[in-house]
Amino acid sequence: MTETPPVFADPRDELADHIPALRAFAISLTRNVSEADDLVQEAILKAWSNIEKFTVGTDLRAWLFTILRNTFYSARRKTRREVADPEGAYAAALFDPPRHDGRLALDEFARAFDQLTPEHREVLILVGANGYSYEEAGAMMGVATGTAKSRAHRARARLAELLGLEEGEDPVAGQSAETLAVMGRSGIAAA
């Protein structure tokens, strides 16, 4: 008589039988039913796609538990480096615009500023960059306070036009400190 080797069933046929035990194990690890269900699903998918690595005749449940456990701890290591930021405040604080963008914006601003009339450049430098009040700027330029205000307004409007800004668009979004100062938003309450 010749002995025939034992015939084993395809382990994939048995995967569904182990889902309740896997789910209980996953719940004990995650302490969250929804996360546990996701973990079990991921472990089953990994087992299915790597079934050729399973040694037929060994304990399928132990193999599945190992996959589930390793999947859980791998995900845990990844999330440990993550920061909960649902509002995006943390990510926004980390933003650092590239240095070359500021230089390009300053160059563009300088070209536009040079196209202004001398009177407009003067009032923007006095009121915006140096922080003088309209009264002080008017006195230095030898004009009335209202004229200084009017020139500053027209100068800012022309500068925004030269920079290609739409009406209502913030001309200082992302601008350098120098640009902010001349545009009158330097933190000095002159403009």
Protein backbone atom coordinates (compact mmCIF):
# COMPACT_ATOMS: atom_id res chain seq x y z
CA MET A 1 0.00 0.00 0.00
CA THR A 2 1.20 3.44 -0.87
CA GLU A 3 0.59 6.23 1.53
CA THR A 4 -0.98 9.35 0.11
CA PRO A 5 0.05 12.65 1.60
CA PRO A 6 -2.65 14.38 3.63
CA VAL A 7 -4.80 16.78 1.65
CA PHE A 8 -5.29 20.16 3.29
CA ALA A 9 -8.09 22.54 2.49
CA ASP A 10 -7.27 25.93 1.02
CA PRO A 11 -6.58 28.20 4.03
CA ARG A 12 -8.57 30.97 2.35
CA ASP A 13 -11.70 28.89 2.91
CA GLU A 14 -11.11 29.10 6.67
CA LEU A 15 -10.45 32.85 6.96
CA ALA A 16 -14.09 33.73 7.62
CA ASP A 17 -14.22 31.24 10.53
CA HIS A 18 -11.61 33.28 12.41
CA ILE A 19 -13.18 36.72 11.99
CA PRO A 20 -15.06 36.73 15.36
CA ALA A 21 -11.86 35.87 17.27
CA LEU A 22 -9.87 38.42 15.26
CA ARG A 23 -12.50 41.06 15.95
CA ALA A 24 -12.43 40.39 19.70
CA PHE A 25 -8.63 40.61 19.67
CA ALA A 26 -8.74 43.84 17.63
CA ILE A 27 -11.26 45.42 20.02
CA SER A 28 -9.00 44.57 22.94
CA LEU A 29 -6.11 46.30 21.19
CA THR A 30 -7.89 49.39 19.86
CA ARG A 31 -10.62 49.89 22.47
CA ASN A 32 -12.77 51.13 19.59
CA VAL A 33 -15.21 48.95 17.64
CA SER A 34 -14.96 50.94 14.42
CA GLU A 35 -11.15 50.94 14.44
CA ALA A 36 -11.19 47.24 15.33
CA ASP A 37 -13.38 46.42 12.33
CA ASP A 38 -11.00 48.36 10.06
CA LEU A 39 -8.05 46.54 11.58
CA VAL A 40 -9.65 43.13 11.05
CA GLN A 41 -10.46 44.00 7.46
CA GLU A 42 -6.89 45.10 6.80
CA ALA A 43 -5.49 41.96 8.45
CA ILE A 44 -7.76 39.70 6.37
CA LEU A 45 -6.73 41.53 3.19
CA LYS A 46 -3.05 41.11 4.06
CA ALA A 47 -3.55 37.43 4.86
CA TRP A 48 -5.44 36.85 1.62
CA SER A 49 -2.84 38.57 -0.53
CA ASN A 50 0.04 36.77 1.25
CA ILE A 51 -1.55 33.34 1.66
CA GLU A 52 1.40 31.70 -0.11
CA LYS A 53 3.52 32.64 2.95
CA PHE A 54 1.29 30.59 5.25
CA THR A 55 2.63 27.15 6.01
CA VAL A 56 -0.19 24.68 5.45
CA GLY A 57 -0.71 22.44 8.45
CA THR A 58 0.24 25.12 11.02
CA ASP A 59 -2.13 27.19 13.13
CA LEU A 60 -3.98 29.60 10.80
CA ARG A 61 -5.50 31.53 13.71
CA ALA A 62 -2.08 32.22 15.23
CA TRP A 63 -0.84 33.41 11.84
CA LEU A 64 -3.85 35.73 11.48
CA PHE A 65 -3.41 37.07 15.01
CA THR A 66 0.24 37.85 14.24
CA ILE A 67 -0.75 39.75 11.09
CA LEU A 68 -3.42 41.69 13.00
CA ARG A 69 -1.06 42.50 15.87
CA ASN A 70 1.74 43.66 13.53
CA THR A 71 -0.72 45.76 11.51
CA PHE A 72 -1.97 47.40 14.71
CA TYR A 73 1.51 48.28 15.98
CA SER A 74 2.69 49.49 12.56
CA ALA A 75 -0.27 51.87 12.36
CA ARG A 76 0.40 52.97 15.93
CA ARG A 77 4.01 53.87 15.12
CA LYS A 78 2.86 55.92 12.15
CA THR A 79 0.20 57.82 14.09
CA ARG A 80 2.58 58.55 16.94
CA ARG A 81 4.39 60.96 14.60
CA GLU A 82 1.14 62.57 13.49
CA VAL A 83 -0.41 65.60 15.14
CA ALA A 84 -4.17 66.03 15.42
CA ASP A 85 -4.91 69.24 13.56
CA PRO A 86 -8.59 69.29 12.54
CA GLU A 87 -8.70 73.07 12.09
CA GLY A 88 -5.36 73.28 10.30
CA ALA A 89 -3.92 75.73 12.85
CA TYR A 90 -0.79 73.67 13.49
CA ALA A 91 -0.10 73.20 9.78
CA ALA A 92 -0.63 76.90 9.14
CA ALA A 93 1.91 77.78 11.82
CA LEU A 94 4.47 75.53 10.13
CA PHE A 95 4.14 77.30 6.77
CA ASP A 96 7.27 79.09 5.73
CA PRO A 97 7.06 80.65 2.29
CA PRO A 98 10.11 80.07 0.12
CA ARG A 99 12.65 82.84 0.42
CA HIS A 100 12.87 83.42 -3.32
CA ASP A 101 9.15 84.26 -3.50
CA GLY A 102 9.68 87.17 -1.13
CA ARG A 103 12.60 88.43 -3.15
CA LEU A 104 10.59 88.17 -6.37
CA ALA A 105 7.65 89.98 -4.77
CA LEU A 106 9.95 92.70 -3.46
CA ASP A 107 11.49 93.11 -6.93
CA GLU A 108 8.02 93.38 -8.48
CA PHE A 109 7.01 95.88 -5.80
CA ALA A 110 10.17 97.95 -6.36
CA ARG A 111 9.50 98.13 -10.12
CA ALA A 112 5.91 99.23 -9.48
CA PHE A 113 6.99 101.72 -6.80
CA ASP A 114 9.50 103.27 -9.21
CA GLN A 115 6.68 103.96 -11.69
CA LEU A 116 4.83 106.18 -9.20
CA THR A 117 5.15 109.93 -9.42
CA PRO A 118 7.68 111.52 -7.06
CA GLU A 119 4.81 112.98 -4.99
CA HIS A 120 3.21 109.55 -4.58
CA ARG A 121 6.49 107.89 -3.65
CA GLU A 122 7.19 110.67 -1.15
CA VAL A 123 3.85 110.39 0.64
CA LEU A 124 4.03 106.59 0.81
CA ILE A 125 7.53 106.73 2.25
CA LEU A 126 6.57 109.36 4.83
CA VAL A 127 3.20 107.92 5.87
CA GLY A 128 3.66 104.22 5.23
CA ALA A 129 7.34 103.46 5.70
CA ASN A 130 8.24 106.04 8.33
CA GLY A 131 4.96 106.12 10.18
CA TYR A 132 4.35 109.85 10.13
CA SER A 133 0.79 111.06 10.55
CA TYR A 134 -0.95 112.75 7.63
CA GLU A 135 -0.58 116.06 9.45
CA GLU A 136 3.18 115.59 9.89
CA ALA A 137 3.64 114.36 6.31
CA GLY A 138 1.59 117.29 4.99
CA ALA A 139 3.75 119.72 6.95
CA MET A 140 6.98 118.13 5.63
CA MET A 141 5.69 118.20 2.03
CA GLY A 142 4.27 121.74 2.44
CA VAL A 143 0.67 120.70 1.67
CA ALA A 144 -2.56 120.49 3.63
CA THR A 145 -3.43 117.38 5.65
CA GLY A 146 -6.30 116.55 3.27
CA THR A 147 -3.91 116.74 0.32
CA ALA A 148 -1.52 114.30 2.06
CA LYS A 149 -4.44 111.88 2.68
CA SER A 150 -5.61 112.20 -0.90
CA ARG A 151 -2.13 111.62 -2.32
CA ALA A 152 -1.61 108.58 -0.10
CA HIS A 153 -4.94 107.12 -1.21
CA ARG A 154 -4.23 107.72 -4.89
CA ALA A 155 -0.66 106.41 -4.51
CA ARG A 156 -1.87 103.16 -2.90
CA ALA A 157 -4.54 102.73 -5.58
CA ARG A 158 -2.00 103.26 -8.37
CA LEU A 159 0.46 100.89 -6.72
CA ALA A 160 -2.24 98.20 -6.44
CA GLU A 161 -3.07 98.77 -10.13
CA LEU A 162 0.59 98.42 -11.14
CA LEU A 163 0.87 95.22 -9.10
CA GLY A 164 -2.18 93.83 -10.89
CA LEU A 165 -4.32 93.53 -7.80
CA GLU A 166 -8.08 93.22 -8.16
CA GLU A 167 -10.39 95.58 -6.33
CA GLY A 168 -10.79 94.32 -2.78
CA GLU A 169 -7.75 92.03 -3.05
CA ASP A 170 -5.43 92.34 -0.11
CA PRO A 171 -2.32 94.09 -1.44
CA VAL A 172 -0.24 93.01 1.55
CA ALA A 173 -1.01 89.28 1.63
CA GLY A 174 2.35 87.57 1.70
CA GLN A 175 4.34 90.80 1.28
CA SER A 176 7.65 91.58 2.93
CA ALA A 177 8.02 93.99 5.83
CA GLU A 178 9.32 96.67 3.49
CA THR A 179 6.29 96.37 1.25
CA LEU A 180 3.95 96.36 4.24
CA ALA A 181 5.54 99.51 5.57
CA VAL A 182 5.17 101.45 2.35
CA MET A 183 1.65 100.16 1.79
CA GLY A 184 0.74 101.57 5.19
CA ARG A 185 0.09 98.34 7.06
CA SER A 186 3.32 98.27 9.01
CA GLY A 187 1.61 98.19 12.35
CA ILE A 188 2.05 101.93 12.67
CA ALA A 189 -1.25 103.74 12.93
CA ALA A 190 -0.27 106.42 10.45
CA ALA A 191 -2.16 105.24 7.42
